[in-house]
Amino acid sequence: TSDEAVITWSEPPRMTLHGVLKGYRVVFWSLFHDGEWGEMQNITTTREQVELRGLEKFTNYSVQVLAYTQAGDGVRSNVLYIQTREDREY
């Protein structure tokens, strides 16, 4: 919509994890029309889906997901580029 996005992903293969999977971090930031980058934000979750809320309308966002274990953060995913809508749909 104009102010939220739902991001989903799959659990990484167990053999690629260094320990027990504790959860995920979703890292995202905006790119405004004037070329400025917004502040990097992150959400931590144990689910394989997150709702990004309070986004700016008609704005480009870059999103990455990583899994983490007790050993620390894993490698970030490839960047997913999304754009919010100009107006909220009802």
C-alpha atoms as a PDB file:
ATOM      1  CA  THR A   1       0.000   0.000   0.000  1.00  0.00           C
ATOM      2  CA  SER A   2       1.091   3.599   0.322  1.00  0.00           C
ATOM      3  CA  ASP A   3       2.434   3.120   3.865  1.00  0.00           C
ATOM      4  CA  GLU A   4       3.093  -0.590   4.455  1.00  0.00           C
ATOM      5  CA  ALA A   5       4.579  -3.672   2.806  1.00  0.00           C
ATOM      6  CA  VAL A   6       4.575  -7.379   3.693  1.00  0.00           C
ATOM      7  CA  ILE A   7       7.918  -9.161   3.197  1.00  0.00           C
ATOM      8  CA  THR A   8       8.201 -12.967   3.293  1.00  0.00           C
ATOM      9  CA  TRP A   9      11.147 -15.351   2.937  1.00  0.00           C
ATOM     10  CA  SER A  10      12.126 -18.981   3.476  1.00  0.00           C
ATOM     11  CA  GLU A  11      14.244 -20.446   6.248  1.00  0.00           C
ATOM     12  CA  PRO A  12      17.857 -20.950   5.129  1.00  0.00           C
ATOM     13  CA  PRO A  13      19.101 -24.536   4.740  1.00  0.00           C
ATOM     14  CA  ARG A  14      20.145 -25.950   8.131  1.00  0.00           C
ATOM     15  CA  MET A  15      23.597 -26.872   6.832  1.00  0.00           C
ATOM     16  CA  THR A  16      24.327 -23.181   6.166  1.00  0.00           C
ATOM     17  CA  LEU A  17      23.587 -22.114   9.744  1.00  0.00           C
ATOM     18  CA  HIS A  18      26.315 -21.846  12.365  1.00  0.00           C
ATOM     19  CA  GLY A  19      24.272 -23.034  15.314  1.00  0.00           C
ATOM     20  CA  VAL A  20      20.602 -22.953  16.250  1.00  0.00           C
ATOM     21  CA  LEU A  21      18.483 -20.436  14.346  1.00  0.00           C
ATOM     22  CA  LYS A  22      17.335 -17.731  16.782  1.00  0.00           C
ATOM     23  CA  GLY A  23      15.472 -15.465  14.365  1.00  0.00           C
ATOM     24  CA  TYR A  24      15.709 -12.987  11.534  1.00  0.00           C
ATOM     25  CA  ARG A  25      16.564  -9.339  11.055  1.00  0.00           C
ATOM     26  CA  VAL A  26      14.927  -7.344   8.313  1.00  0.00           C
ATOM     27  CA  VAL A  27      17.010  -4.297   7.393  1.00  0.00           C
ATOM     28  CA  PHE A  28      15.430  -1.581   5.263  1.00  0.00           C
ATOM     29  CA  TRP A  29      15.958   2.017   4.215  1.00  0.00           C
ATOM     30  CA  SER A  30      14.338   4.486   1.838  1.00  0.00           C
ATOM     31  CA  LEU A  31      15.655   6.337  -1.171  1.00  0.00           C
ATOM     32  CA  PHE A  32      13.880   9.658  -1.534  1.00  0.00           C
ATOM     33  CA  HIS A  33      13.148  11.382  -4.842  1.00  0.00           C
ATOM     34  CA  ASP A  34      15.889  13.947  -4.163  1.00  0.00           C
ATOM     35  CA  GLY A  35      18.469  11.114  -4.079  1.00  0.00           C
ATOM     36  CA  GLU A  36      18.917  11.146  -0.293  1.00  0.00           C
ATOM     37  CA  TRP A  37      18.972   7.859   1.641  1.00  0.00           C
ATOM     38  CA  GLY A  38      16.722   7.523   4.660  1.00  0.00           C
ATOM     39  CA  GLU A  39      17.824   6.147   8.008  1.00  0.00           C
ATOM     40  CA  MET A  40      18.517   2.417   8.071  1.00  0.00           C
ATOM     41  CA  GLN A  41      15.947   0.604  10.194  1.00  0.00           C
ATOM     42  CA  ASN A  42      15.655  -3.004  11.280  1.00  0.00           C
ATOM     43  CA  ILE A  43      13.059  -5.340  12.699  1.00  0.00           C
ATOM     44  CA  THR A  44      13.861  -8.559  14.560  1.00  0.00           C
ATOM     45  CA  THR A  45      11.402 -11.459  14.345  1.00  0.00           C
ATOM     46  CA  THR A  46      11.203 -15.225  14.746  1.00  0.00           C
ATOM     47  CA  ARG A  47       8.669 -15.523  11.898  1.00  0.00           C
ATOM     48  CA  GLU A  48       9.362 -15.777   8.159  1.00  0.00           C
ATOM     49  CA  GLN A  49       7.252 -12.716   7.441  1.00  0.00           C
ATOM     50  CA  VAL A  50       7.212  -9.114   8.571  1.00  0.00           C
ATOM     51  CA  GLU A  51       4.954  -6.138   7.970  1.00  0.00           C
ATOM     52  CA  LEU A  52       6.824  -2.899   7.391  1.00  0.00           C
ATOM     53  CA  ARG A  53       4.493  -0.157   8.615  1.00  0.00           C
ATOM     54  CA  GLY A  54       4.662   3.605   8.672  1.00  0.00           C
ATOM     55  CA  LEU A  55       6.439   3.826   5.334  1.00  0.00           C
ATOM     56  CA  GLU A  56       6.468   7.010   3.264  1.00  0.00           C
ATOM     57  CA  LYS A  57       4.028   7.028   0.345  1.00  0.00           C
ATOM     58  CA  PHE A  58       5.345   6.768  -3.224  1.00  0.00           C
ATOM     59  CA  THR A  59       8.879   6.026  -1.985  1.00  0.00           C
ATOM     60  CA  ASN A  60      11.496   3.458  -3.030  1.00  0.00           C
ATOM     61  CA  TYR A  61      12.809   1.111  -0.341  1.00  0.00           C
ATOM     62  CA  SER A  62      15.660  -1.370  -0.227  1.00  0.00           C
ATOM     63  CA  VAL A  63      15.100  -4.440   1.967  1.00  0.00           C
ATOM     64  CA  GLN A  64      17.442  -7.223   3.091  1.00  0.00           C
ATOM     65  CA  VAL A  65      16.888 -10.178   5.423  1.00  0.00           C
ATOM     66  CA  LEU A  66      19.418 -12.130   7.457  1.00  0.00           C
ATOM     67  CA  ALA A  67      19.172 -15.078   9.826  1.00  0.00           C
ATOM     68  CA  TYR A  68      20.968 -15.025  13.161  1.00  0.00           C
ATOM     69  CA  THR A  69      22.134 -17.656  15.635  1.00  0.00           C
ATOM     70  CA  GLN A  70      23.924 -17.523  18.987  1.00  0.00           C
ATOM     71  CA  ALA A  71      27.117 -17.133  16.907  1.00  0.00           C
ATOM     72  CA  GLY A  72      25.843 -13.860  15.434  1.00  0.00           C
ATOM     73  CA  ASP A  73      24.318 -12.453  12.279  1.00  0.00           C
ATOM     74  CA  GLY A  74      24.400 -14.381   9.036  1.00  0.00           C
ATOM     75  CA  VAL A  75      24.886 -13.023   5.551  1.00  0.00           C
ATOM     76  CA  ARG A  76      22.301 -10.535   4.282  1.00  0.00           C
ATOM     77  CA  SER A  77      20.082 -11.571   1.404  1.00  0.00           C
ATOM     78  CA  ASN A  78      20.219  -9.906  -1.982  1.00  0.00           C
ATOM     79  CA  VAL A  79      18.535  -6.509  -1.940  1.00  0.00           C
ATOM     80  CA  LEU A  80      14.805  -6.448  -2.635  1.00  0.00           C
ATOM     81  CA  TYR A  81      13.637  -3.156  -4.131  1.00  0.00           C
ATOM     82  CA  ILE A  82      10.056  -2.088  -3.480  1.00  0.00           C
ATOM     83  CA  GLN A  83       8.042   1.070  -4.025  1.00  0.00           C
ATOM     84  CA  THR A  84       5.056   2.146  -1.975  1.00  0.00           C
ATOM     85  CA  ARG A  85       1.957   3.387  -3.758  1.00  0.00           C
ATOM     86  CA  GLU A  86       1.144   7.029  -4.192  1.00  0.00           C
ATOM     87  CA  ASP A  87      -2.260   6.791  -2.480  1.00  0.00           C
ATOM     88  CA  ARG A  88      -3.636   4.380   0.090  1.00  0.00           C
ATOM     89  CA  GLU A  89      -6.063   1.838  -1.391  1.00  0.00           C
ATOM     90  CA  TYR A  90      -9.330   1.136   0.383  1.00  0.00           C
END
